[in-house]
Amino acid sequence: MLTTPNQQNVFPVAALLIGAAIWGLLWYPYRLLEQDGISGQVATVITYAIALALGLVLFRKSIRASQIFAGDPQLLFWIAMFAGWTNMAYILGVIHGEVMRVLLLFYLAPLWTILFARLLLNEKLRLHGYLVIVLSLAGAITMLWQPESGFPLPSSHGDWMGLSGGIMFALMNVMIRKDQYHSIQLKSLALWLGVMLVGLGHSLLSPAPFALADISAGSWLLMLAIGLVVFALSLTMQYGLTHIPANRASVIMVFELVVAAIAAYFLANETMTLKEWVGGAMIVSASLFSARMSRG
């Protein structure tokens, strides 16, 4: 039975939409863990260690030197490092900052994707690409503008996490797309390992000691559930990102903002200011326009 290219793209697109929806909600259980005294760094290490352990058991046949060193093995390293920074920045940002503000800055990713996709994937930049750059920068300046100093700079730890996380997210997407040598399983293992290592490194910089014995049974169960979700989510996202061009993937992932906006309002009673709405609208518009960058 023959299938058209559009039919073949249904599953990768659906995978990204499902992944985006889950990411739009995943901030909440990490906040609950923070309220229970478990820092974002510690929670990240534990949840991603669970995902990694499960992956090592289920994908043990994929862990072969001949497979790891096939093609360009350094791409796995970069996927791990960029994924580690991305996820750590995302979790710390949404725990300590305003969810929608952090995510909107995170979703400047299409701006960075333009640059990285051009440099690393040789994707051509057309008129729509310049429009994305202008809209993204205008949105960021609107959101970050500080009348007191006269400069558009991040004003909080959450802002910096959202901004840096978006840059690393774009790099991770491009690296996953570029790496056509390794299986989804190997790329997922690299992702989980990278997040765990970056989380461990960040935890070592924390001045407050933490004992695993202090974690309640309820928190352990919640982290186990998050670890299982992260495992399934990573595979889903890897599948979608491997089969969808980087620029288009960034647009589909904007669905996360819709889910996060609704969740932040009902679960955290967070609302956006007029300045954030205007800047956010520009950033979202830039993401939508970026869908046309790789056409023609």
C-alpha atoms as a PDB file:
ATOM      1  CA  MET A   1       0.000   0.000   0.000  1.00  0.00           C
ATOM      2  CA  LEU A   2       1.467   3.322  -1.100  1.00  0.00           C
ATOM      3  CA  THR A   3       1.612   6.308   1.254  1.00  0.00           C
ATOM      4  CA  THR A   4       2.088   9.963   0.419  1.00  0.00           C
ATOM      5  CA  PRO A   5       4.823  12.107   2.062  1.00  0.00           C
ATOM      6  CA  ASN A   6       2.105  13.880   4.079  1.00  0.00           C
ATOM      7  CA  GLN A   7       0.821  10.571   5.414  1.00  0.00           C
ATOM      8  CA  GLN A   8       4.339   9.489   6.295  1.00  0.00           C
ATOM      9  CA  ASN A   9       4.804  12.723   8.298  1.00  0.00           C
ATOM     10  CA  VAL A  10       1.693  12.192  10.412  1.00  0.00           C
ATOM     11  CA  PHE A  11       3.440  10.075  13.039  1.00  0.00           C
ATOM     12  CA  PRO A  12       6.509  12.342  13.533  1.00  0.00           C
ATOM     13  CA  VAL A  13       4.246  15.399  13.789  1.00  0.00           C
ATOM     14  CA  ALA A  14       1.947  13.619  16.254  1.00  0.00           C
ATOM     15  CA  ALA A  15       5.002  12.584  18.284  1.00  0.00           C
ATOM     16  CA  LEU A  16       6.171  16.183  18.569  1.00  0.00           C
ATOM     17  CA  LEU A  17       2.696  17.449  19.471  1.00  0.00           C
ATOM     18  CA  ILE A  18       2.348  14.865  22.237  1.00  0.00           C
ATOM     19  CA  GLY A  19       5.842  15.655  23.477  1.00  0.00           C
ATOM     20  CA  ALA A  20       5.123  19.392  23.460  1.00  0.00           C
ATOM     21  CA  ALA A  21       1.923  18.903  25.455  1.00  0.00           C
ATOM     22  CA  ILE A  22       3.697  16.836  28.105  1.00  0.00           C
ATOM     23  CA  TRP A  23       6.539  19.361  28.365  1.00  0.00           C
ATOM     24  CA  GLY A  24       3.920  22.041  28.891  1.00  0.00           C
ATOM     25  CA  LEU A  25       2.827  20.205  32.052  1.00  0.00           C
ATOM     26  CA  LEU A  26       6.082  18.680  33.313  1.00  0.00           C
ATOM     27  CA  TRP A  27       7.118  21.804  35.223  1.00  0.00           C
ATOM     28  CA  TYR A  28       4.378  21.257  37.817  1.00  0.00           C
ATOM     29  CA  PRO A  29       5.605  18.000  39.423  1.00  0.00           C
ATOM     30  CA  TYR A  30       9.114  19.488  39.663  1.00  0.00           C
ATOM     31  CA  ARG A  31       7.643  22.425  41.552  1.00  0.00           C
ATOM     32  CA  LEU A  32       5.874  20.010  43.874  1.00  0.00           C
ATOM     33  CA  LEU A  33       9.188  18.281  44.562  1.00  0.00           C
ATOM     34  CA  GLU A  34      10.842  21.651  45.241  1.00  0.00           C
ATOM     35  CA  GLN A  35       8.111  22.399  47.784  1.00  0.00           C
ATOM     36  CA  ASP A  36       8.923  19.062  49.434  1.00  0.00           C
ATOM     37  CA  GLY A  37      12.529  20.178  49.865  1.00  0.00           C
ATOM     38  CA  ILE A  38      14.025  18.435  46.815  1.00  0.00           C
ATOM     39  CA  SER A  39      15.934  20.915  44.653  1.00  0.00           C
ATOM     40  CA  GLY A  40      15.566  21.018  40.910  1.00  0.00           C
ATOM     41  CA  GLN A  41      19.114  19.731  40.478  1.00  0.00           C
ATOM     42  CA  VAL A  42      18.588  16.693  42.699  1.00  0.00           C
ATOM     43  CA  ALA A  43      15.171  15.919  41.211  1.00  0.00           C
ATOM     44  CA  THR A  44      16.620  16.170  37.706  1.00  0.00           C
ATOM     45  CA  VAL A  45      19.492  13.804  38.477  1.00  0.00           C
ATOM     46  CA  ILE A  46      17.194  11.198  40.034  1.00  0.00           C
ATOM     47  CA  THR A  47      14.454  11.315  37.390  1.00  0.00           C
ATOM     48  CA  TYR A  48      16.891  11.142  34.485  1.00  0.00           C
ATOM     49  CA  ALA A  49      18.888   8.408  36.227  1.00  0.00           C
ATOM     50  CA  ILE A  50      15.656   6.372  36.303  1.00  0.00           C
ATOM     51  CA  ALA A  51      15.137   6.980  32.582  1.00  0.00           C
ATOM     52  CA  LEU A  52      18.779   6.092  31.867  1.00  0.00           C
ATOM     53  CA  ALA A  53      18.629   2.872  33.909  1.00  0.00           C
ATOM     54  CA  LEU A  54      15.480   1.784  32.116  1.00  0.00           C
ATOM     55  CA  GLY A  55      17.043   2.615  28.772  1.00  0.00           C
ATOM     56  CA  LEU A  56      20.228   0.670  29.535  1.00  0.00           C
ATOM     57  CA  VAL A  57      18.137  -2.417  30.313  1.00  0.00           C
ATOM     58  CA  LEU A  58      15.786  -2.198  27.342  1.00  0.00           C
ATOM     59  CA  PHE A  59      18.326  -0.970  24.777  1.00  0.00           C
ATOM     60  CA  ARG A  60      21.322  -3.052  25.864  1.00  0.00           C
ATOM     61  CA  LYS A  61      21.564  -4.608  22.384  1.00  0.00           C
ATOM     62  CA  SER A  62      22.097  -1.134  20.915  1.00  0.00           C
ATOM     63  CA  ILE A  63      25.091  -0.459  23.154  1.00  0.00           C
ATOM     64  CA  ARG A  64      27.873  -1.747  20.927  1.00  0.00           C
ATOM     65  CA  ALA A  65      31.157  -0.008  20.224  1.00  0.00           C
ATOM     66  CA  SER A  66      30.663  -0.569  16.506  1.00  0.00           C
ATOM     67  CA  GLN A  67      27.309   1.238  16.686  1.00  0.00           C
ATOM     68  CA  ILE A  68      28.441   4.038  18.985  1.00  0.00           C
ATOM     69  CA  PHE A  69      31.509   4.857  16.885  1.00  0.00           C
ATOM     70  CA  ALA A  70      29.708   4.542  13.560  1.00  0.00           C
ATOM     71  CA  GLY A  71      29.531   7.637  11.377  1.00  0.00           C
ATOM     72  CA  ASP A  72      30.350  10.675  13.526  1.00  0.00           C
ATOM     73  CA  PRO A  73      30.447   9.597  17.212  1.00  0.00           C
ATOM     74  CA  GLN A  74      31.174  13.093  18.492  1.00  0.00           C
ATOM     75  CA  LEU A  75      27.597  14.037  17.613  1.00  0.00           C
ATOM     76  CA  LEU A  76      26.400  11.828  20.485  1.00  0.00           C
ATOM     77  CA  PHE A  77      28.632  13.779  22.857  1.00  0.00           C
ATOM     78  CA  TRP A  78      27.226  17.106  21.715  1.00  0.00           C
ATOM     79  CA  ILE A  79      23.655  15.829  21.911  1.00  0.00           C
ATOM     80  CA  ALA A  80      24.353  14.785  25.503  1.00  0.00           C
ATOM     81  CA  MET A  81      25.881  18.132  26.519  1.00  0.00           C
ATOM     82  CA  PHE A  82      23.297  20.331  24.816  1.00  0.00           C
ATOM     83  CA  ALA A  83      20.452  18.174  26.137  1.00  0.00           C
ATOM     84  CA  GLY A  84      21.914  18.373  29.638  1.00  0.00           C
ATOM     85  CA  TRP A  85      22.078  22.167  29.596  1.00  0.00           C
ATOM     86  CA  THR A  86      18.648  22.475  27.936  1.00  0.00           C
ATOM     87  CA  ASN A  87      16.818  20.315  30.440  1.00  0.00           C
ATOM     88  CA  MET A  88      18.632  21.684  33.477  1.00  0.00           C
ATOM     89  CA  ALA A  89      17.925  25.265  32.406  1.00  0.00           C
ATOM     90  CA  TYR A  90      14.291  24.448  31.662  1.00  0.00           C
ATOM     91  CA  ILE A  91      13.658  22.797  35.034  1.00  0.00           C
ATOM     92  CA  LEU A  92      15.447  25.449  37.101  1.00  0.00           C
ATOM     93  CA  GLY A  93      13.775  28.198  35.094  1.00  0.00           C
ATOM     94  CA  VAL A  94      10.197  26.989  35.553  1.00  0.00           C
ATOM     95  CA  ILE A  95      10.788  26.198  39.241  1.00  0.00           C
ATOM     96  CA  HIS A  96      12.202  29.605  40.166  1.00  0.00           C
ATOM     97  CA  GLY A  97      10.685  31.839  37.484  1.00  0.00           C
ATOM     98  CA  GLU A  98       7.313  32.587  35.919  1.00  0.00           C
ATOM     99  CA  VAL A  99       6.401  29.642  33.714  1.00  0.00           C
ATOM    100  CA  MET A 100       5.200  31.517  30.624  1.00  0.00           C
ATOM    101  CA  ARG A 101       7.935  34.139  30.753  1.00  0.00           C
ATOM    102  CA  VAL A 102      10.606  31.442  30.952  1.00  0.00           C
ATOM    103  CA  LEU A 103       9.025  29.424  28.147  1.00  0.00           C
ATOM    104  CA  LEU A 104       8.601  32.411  25.838  1.00  0.00           C
ATOM    105  CA  LEU A 105      12.278  33.236  26.205  1.00  0.00           C
ATOM    106  CA  PHE A 106      13.017  29.547  25.699  1.00  0.00           C
ATOM    107  CA  TYR A 107      11.029  29.748  22.471  1.00  0.00           C
ATOM    108  CA  LEU A 108      13.392  32.216  20.944  1.00  0.00           C
ATOM    109  CA  ALA A 109      14.827  28.879  19.758  1.00  0.00           C
ATOM    110  CA  PRO A 110      13.737  29.464  16.113  1.00  0.00           C
ATOM    111  CA  LEU A 111      16.044  32.488  16.028  1.00  0.00           C
ATOM    112  CA  TRP A 112      18.993  30.368  17.128  1.00  0.00           C
ATOM    113  CA  THR A 113      17.830  27.478  14.934  1.00  0.00           C
ATOM    114  CA  ILE A 114      18.123  29.705  11.855  1.00  0.00           C
ATOM    115  CA  LEU A 115      21.764  30.343  12.615  1.00  0.00           C
ATOM    116  CA  PHE A 116      22.697  26.809  13.644  1.00  0.00           C
ATOM    117  CA  ALA A 117      20.738  25.115  10.836  1.00  0.00           C
ATOM    118  CA  ARG A 118      22.495  27.369   8.335  1.00  0.00           C
ATOM    119  CA  LEU A 119      25.930  26.643   9.764  1.00  0.00           C
ATOM    120  CA  LEU A 120      25.551  22.945  10.563  1.00  0.00           C
ATOM    121  CA  LEU A 121      22.844  21.660   8.202  1.00  0.00           C
ATOM    122  CA  ASN A 122      23.417  24.070   5.319  1.00  0.00           C
ATOM    123  CA  GLU A 123      19.719  24.985   5.301  1.00  0.00           C
ATOM    124  CA  LYS A 124      19.246  28.102   3.174  1.00  0.00           C
ATOM    125  CA  LEU A 125      18.073  31.338   4.762  1.00  0.00           C
ATOM    126  CA  ARG A 126      15.319  33.040   2.769  1.00  0.00           C
ATOM    127  CA  LEU A 127      13.168  36.117   3.231  1.00  0.00           C
ATOM    128  CA  HIS A 128      11.040  34.449   5.878  1.00  0.00           C
ATOM    129  CA  GLY A 129      14.184  33.727   7.849  1.00  0.00           C
ATOM    130  CA  TYR A 130      15.004  37.427   8.103  1.00  0.00           C
ATOM    131  CA  LEU A 131      11.425  38.098   9.196  1.00  0.00           C
ATOM    132  CA  VAL A 132      11.846  35.503  11.958  1.00  0.00           C
ATOM    133  CA  ILE A 133      15.015  37.225  13.129  1.00  0.00           C
ATOM    134  CA  VAL A 134      13.328  40.642  13.255  1.00  0.00           C
ATOM    135  CA  LEU A 135      10.187  39.388  15.028  1.00  0.00           C
ATOM    136  CA  SER A 136      12.151  37.274  17.513  1.00  0.00           C
ATOM    137  CA  LEU A 137      14.460  40.119  18.462  1.00  0.00           C
ATOM    138  CA  ALA A 138      11.571  42.594  18.678  1.00  0.00           C
ATOM    139  CA  GLY A 139       9.667  40.209  20.950  1.00  0.00           C
ATOM    140  CA  ALA A 140      12.678  39.615  23.186  1.00  0.00           C
ATOM    141  CA  ILE A 141      13.416  43.343  23.473  1.00  0.00           C
ATOM    142  CA  THR A 142       9.766  44.066  24.324  1.00  0.00           C
ATOM    143  CA  MET A 143       9.683  41.413  27.060  1.00  0.00           C
ATOM    144  CA  LEU A 144      13.098  42.185  28.531  1.00  0.00           C
ATOM    145  CA  TRP A 145      13.127  45.983  28.271  1.00  0.00           C
ATOM    146  CA  GLN A 146      13.982  47.612  31.599  1.00  0.00           C
ATOM    147  CA  PRO A 147      12.968  51.295  31.764  1.00  0.00           C
ATOM    148  CA  GLU A 148      15.294  51.909  34.710  1.00  0.00           C
ATOM    149  CA  SER A 149      18.458  50.891  32.852  1.00  0.00           C
ATOM    150  CA  GLY A 150      17.266  51.403  29.278  1.00  0.00           C
ATOM    151  CA  PHE A 151      18.507  47.961  28.246  1.00  0.00           C
ATOM    152  CA  PRO A 152      16.666  44.748  27.270  1.00  0.00           C
ATOM    153  CA  LEU A 153      18.340  42.353  29.702  1.00  0.00           C
ATOM    154  CA  PRO A 154      17.004  39.329  31.614  1.00  0.00           C
ATOM    155  CA  SER A 155      15.837  40.496  35.024  1.00  0.00           C
ATOM    156  CA  SER A 156      15.840  37.214  36.931  1.00  0.00           C
ATOM    157  CA  HIS A 157      17.461  33.810  37.243  1.00  0.00           C
ATOM    158  CA  GLY A 158      14.443  32.295  35.500  1.00  0.00           C
ATOM    159  CA  ASP A 159      14.895  34.665  32.533  1.00  0.00           C
ATOM    160  CA  TRP A 160      18.530  33.675  32.098  1.00  0.00           C
ATOM    161  CA  MET A 161      17.632  29.995  32.311  1.00  0.00           C
ATOM    162  CA  GLY A 162      14.912  30.374  29.681  1.00  0.00           C
ATOM    163  CA  LEU A 163      17.185  32.299  27.323  1.00  0.00           C
ATOM    164  CA  SER A 164      20.177  29.960  27.607  1.00  0.00           C
ATOM    165  CA  GLY A 165      17.948  26.884  27.523  1.00  0.00           C
ATOM    166  CA  GLY A 166      16.464  28.013  24.209  1.00  0.00           C
ATOM    167  CA  ILE A 167      19.901  28.392  22.657  1.00  0.00           C
ATOM    168  CA  MET A 168      20.905  24.909  23.750  1.00  0.00           C
ATOM    169  CA  PHE A 169      17.533  23.501  22.692  1.00  0.00           C
ATOM    170  CA  ALA A 170      18.113  24.794  19.169  1.00  0.00           C
ATOM    171  CA  LEU A 171      21.587  23.263  19.120  1.00  0.00           C
ATOM    172  CA  MET A 172      20.257  19.952  20.406  1.00  0.00           C
ATOM    173  CA  ASN A 173      17.541  19.869  17.726  1.00  0.00           C
ATOM    174  CA  VAL A 174      20.055  20.575  14.971  1.00  0.00           C
ATOM    175  CA  MET A 175      22.496  17.967  16.290  1.00  0.00           C
ATOM    176  CA  ILE A 176      19.759  15.317  16.450  1.00  0.00           C
ATOM    177  CA  ARG A 177      18.725  16.158  12.908  1.00  0.00           C
ATOM    178  CA  LYS A 178      22.352  16.135  11.750  1.00  0.00           C
ATOM    179  CA  ASP A 179      23.067  12.781  13.366  1.00  0.00           C
ATOM    180  CA  GLN A 180      21.618  10.291  10.886  1.00  0.00           C
ATOM    181  CA  TYR A 181      24.202   7.640  11.864  1.00  0.00           C
ATOM    182  CA  HIS A 182      22.915   6.611  15.282  1.00  0.00           C
ATOM    183  CA  SER A 183      19.651   5.022  16.321  1.00  0.00           C
ATOM    184  CA  ILE A 184      16.951   6.776  18.320  1.00  0.00           C
ATOM    185  CA  GLN A 185      17.854   4.481  21.222  1.00  0.00           C
ATOM    186  CA  LEU A 186      21.494   5.572  21.297  1.00  0.00           C
ATOM    187  CA  LYS A 187      20.597   9.236  20.971  1.00  0.00           C
ATOM    188  CA  SER A 188      18.103   8.865  23.828  1.00  0.00           C
ATOM    189  CA  LEU A 189      20.726   7.207  26.047  1.00  0.00           C
ATOM    190  CA  ALA A 190      23.105  10.065  25.268  1.00  0.00           C
ATOM    191  CA  LEU A 191      20.388  12.582  26.177  1.00  0.00           C
ATOM    192  CA  TRP A 192      19.571  10.984  29.534  1.00  0.00           C
ATOM    193  CA  LEU A 193      23.243  10.573  30.414  1.00  0.00           C
ATOM    194  CA  GLY A 194      23.980  14.181  29.488  1.00  0.00           C
ATOM    195  CA  VAL A 195      21.165  15.560  31.641  1.00  0.00           C
ATOM    196  CA  MET A 196      22.209  13.399  34.576  1.00  0.00           C
ATOM    197  CA  LEU A 197      25.869  14.477  34.317  1.00  0.00           C
ATOM    198  CA  VAL A 198      25.044  18.173  33.980  1.00  0.00           C
ATOM    199  CA  GLY A 199      22.656  17.849  36.914  1.00  0.00           C
ATOM    200  CA  LEU A 200      25.334  16.156  39.019  1.00  0.00           C
ATOM    201  CA  GLY A 201      27.822  18.869  38.165  1.00  0.00           C
ATOM    202  CA  HIS A 202      25.324  21.553  39.112  1.00  0.00           C
ATOM    203  CA  SER A 203      24.474  19.742  42.361  1.00  0.00           C
ATOM    204  CA  LEU A 204      28.134  19.730  43.388  1.00  0.00           C
ATOM    205  CA  LEU A 205      28.097  23.535  43.222  1.00  0.00           C
ATOM    206  CA  SER A 206      25.155  23.687  45.626  1.00  0.00           C
ATOM    207  CA  PRO A 207      26.276  24.747  49.119  1.00  0.00           C
ATOM    208  CA  ALA A 208      23.496  22.848  50.895  1.00  0.00           C
ATOM    209  CA  PRO A 209      24.117  19.113  51.514  1.00  0.00           C
ATOM    210  CA  PHE A 210      21.298  16.735  50.714  1.00  0.00           C
ATOM    211  CA  ALA A 211      20.595  13.227  51.979  1.00  0.00           C
ATOM    212  CA  LEU A 212      18.576  10.733  49.947  1.00  0.00           C
ATOM    213  CA  ALA A 213      17.244   9.343  53.229  1.00  0.00           C
ATOM    214  CA  ASP A 214      15.362  12.619  53.741  1.00  0.00           C
ATOM    215  CA  ILE A 215      13.179  12.018  50.678  1.00  0.00           C
ATOM    216  CA  SER A 216       9.655  10.889  51.528  1.00  0.00           C
ATOM    217  CA  ALA A 217       8.033   7.829  49.976  1.00  0.00           C
ATOM    218  CA  GLY A 218       5.553  10.052  48.146  1.00  0.00           C
ATOM    219  CA  SER A 219       8.353  12.051  46.543  1.00  0.00           C
ATOM    220  CA  TRP A 220      10.139   8.854  45.489  1.00  0.00           C
ATOM    221  CA  LEU A 221       6.955   7.652  43.801  1.00  0.00           C
ATOM    222  CA  LEU A 222       6.500  11.000  42.071  1.00  0.00           C
ATOM    223  CA  MET A 223      10.097  10.968  40.809  1.00  0.00           C
ATOM    224  CA  LEU A 224       9.674   7.383  39.599  1.00  0.00           C
ATOM    225  CA  ALA A 225       6.604   8.470  37.644  1.00  0.00           C
ATOM    226  CA  ILE A 226       8.475  11.450  36.194  1.00  0.00           C
ATOM    227  CA  GLY A 227      11.388   9.199  35.231  1.00  0.00           C
ATOM    228  CA  LEU A 228       9.042   6.866  33.344  1.00  0.00           C
ATOM    229  CA  VAL A 229       7.406   9.831  31.601  1.00  0.00           C
ATOM    230  CA  VAL A 230      10.813  11.271  30.685  1.00  0.00           C
ATOM    231  CA  PHE A 231      11.817   7.894  29.236  1.00  0.00           C
ATOM    232  CA  ALA A 232       8.744   7.693  27.003  1.00  0.00           C
ATOM    233  CA  LEU A 233       8.850  11.405  26.196  1.00  0.00           C
ATOM    234  CA  SER A 234      12.490  11.312  25.090  1.00  0.00           C
ATOM    235  CA  LEU A 235      11.850   8.461  22.664  1.00  0.00           C
ATOM    236  CA  THR A 236       8.800  10.230  21.285  1.00  0.00           C
ATOM    237  CA  MET A 237      10.681  13.498  20.802  1.00  0.00           C
ATOM    238  CA  GLN A 238      13.742  11.803  19.312  1.00  0.00           C
ATOM    239  CA  TYR A 239      11.537  10.072  16.758  1.00  0.00           C
ATOM    240  CA  GLY A 240       9.865  13.319  15.761  1.00  0.00           C
ATOM    241  CA  LEU A 241      13.077  15.366  15.639  1.00  0.00           C
ATOM    242  CA  THR A 242      14.846  12.718  13.559  1.00  0.00           C
ATOM    243  CA  HIS A 243      12.162  12.769  10.843  1.00  0.00           C
ATOM    244  CA  ILE A 244      11.119  16.444  10.815  1.00  0.00           C
ATOM    245  CA  PRO A 245      13.346  19.355   9.633  1.00  0.00           C
ATOM    246  CA  ALA A 246      14.716  21.409  12.519  1.00  0.00           C
ATOM    247  CA  ASN A 247      12.869  24.612  11.608  1.00  0.00           C
ATOM    248  CA  ARG A 248       9.501  22.876  11.270  1.00  0.00           C
ATOM    249  CA  ALA A 249      10.025  21.009  14.537  1.00  0.00           C
ATOM    250  CA  SER A 250      10.503  24.306  16.368  1.00  0.00           C
ATOM    251  CA  VAL A 251       7.129  25.492  15.080  1.00  0.00           C
ATOM    252  CA  ILE A 252       5.282  22.332  16.129  1.00  0.00           C
ATOM    253  CA  MET A 253       6.781  22.589  19.599  1.00  0.00           C
ATOM    254  CA  VAL A 254       5.069  25.973  20.068  1.00  0.00           C
ATOM    255  CA  PHE A 255       2.037  23.897  21.118  1.00  0.00           C
ATOM    256  CA  GLU A 256       3.827  23.576  24.446  1.00  0.00           C
ATOM    257  CA  LEU A 257       3.129  27.261  25.077  1.00  0.00           C
ATOM    258  CA  VAL A 258      -0.617  26.754  24.731  1.00  0.00           C
ATOM    259  CA  VAL A 259      -0.624  23.896  27.223  1.00  0.00           C
ATOM    260  CA  ALA A 260       1.751  25.690  29.608  1.00  0.00           C
ATOM    261  CA  ALA A 261      -0.282  28.923  29.555  1.00  0.00           C
ATOM    262  CA  ILE A 262      -3.450  27.082  30.560  1.00  0.00           C
ATOM    263  CA  ALA A 263      -1.640  24.994  33.180  1.00  0.00           C
ATOM    264  CA  ALA A 264       0.194  27.988  34.689  1.00  0.00           C
ATOM    265  CA  TYR A 265      -3.071  29.892  35.055  1.00  0.00           C
ATOM    266  CA  PHE A 266      -5.010  27.094  36.745  1.00  0.00           C
ATOM    267  CA  LEU A 267      -2.197  25.363  38.679  1.00  0.00           C
ATOM    268  CA  ALA A 268       0.017  28.293  39.708  1.00  0.00           C
ATOM    269  CA  ASN A 269      -2.314  31.285  39.322  1.00  0.00           C
ATOM    270  CA  GLU A 270       0.242  32.997  37.077  1.00  0.00           C
ATOM    271  CA  THR A 271      -0.820  35.677  34.601  1.00  0.00           C
ATOM    272  CA  MET A 272       1.142  37.664  32.043  1.00  0.00           C
ATOM    273  CA  THR A 273       1.537  41.447  31.837  1.00  0.00           C
ATOM    274  CA  LEU A 274       0.610  43.403  28.703  1.00  0.00           C
ATOM    275  CA  LYS A 275       4.297  43.785  27.833  1.00  0.00           C
ATOM    276  CA  GLU A 276       4.786  40.034  28.073  1.00  0.00           C
ATOM    277  CA  TRP A 277       1.700  39.367  25.927  1.00  0.00           C
ATOM    278  CA  VAL A 278       2.958  41.703  23.192  1.00  0.00           C
ATOM    279  CA  GLY A 279       6.503  40.348  23.258  1.00  0.00           C
ATOM    280  CA  GLY A 280       5.243  36.790  23.462  1.00  0.00           C
ATOM    281  CA  ALA A 281       2.965  37.319  20.451  1.00  0.00           C
ATOM    282  CA  MET A 282       5.964  38.471  18.427  1.00  0.00           C
ATOM    283  CA  ILE A 283       8.018  35.455  19.467  1.00  0.00           C
ATOM    284  CA  VAL A 284       5.205  33.033  18.655  1.00  0.00           C
ATOM    285  CA  SER A 285       4.665  34.771  15.284  1.00  0.00           C
ATOM    286  CA  ALA A 286       8.352  34.361  14.564  1.00  0.00           C
ATOM    287  CA  SER A 287       8.082  30.657  15.319  1.00  0.00           C
ATOM    288  CA  LEU A 288       5.155  30.304  12.916  1.00  0.00           C
ATOM    289  CA  PHE A 289       6.964  32.172  10.158  1.00  0.00           C
ATOM    290  CA  SER A 290      10.007  29.946  10.593  1.00  0.00           C
ATOM    291  CA  ALA A 291       7.989  27.101   9.044  1.00  0.00           C
ATOM    292  CA  ARG A 292       8.529  28.703   5.638  1.00  0.00           C
ATOM    293  CA  MET A 293      12.288  29.056   5.931  1.00  0.00           C
ATOM    294  CA  SER A 294      13.160  25.685   4.408  1.00  0.00           C
ATOM    295  CA  ARG A 295      10.599  25.848   1.599  1.00  0.00           C
ATOM    296  CA  GLY A 296      11.254  26.605  -2.046  1.00  0.00           C
END
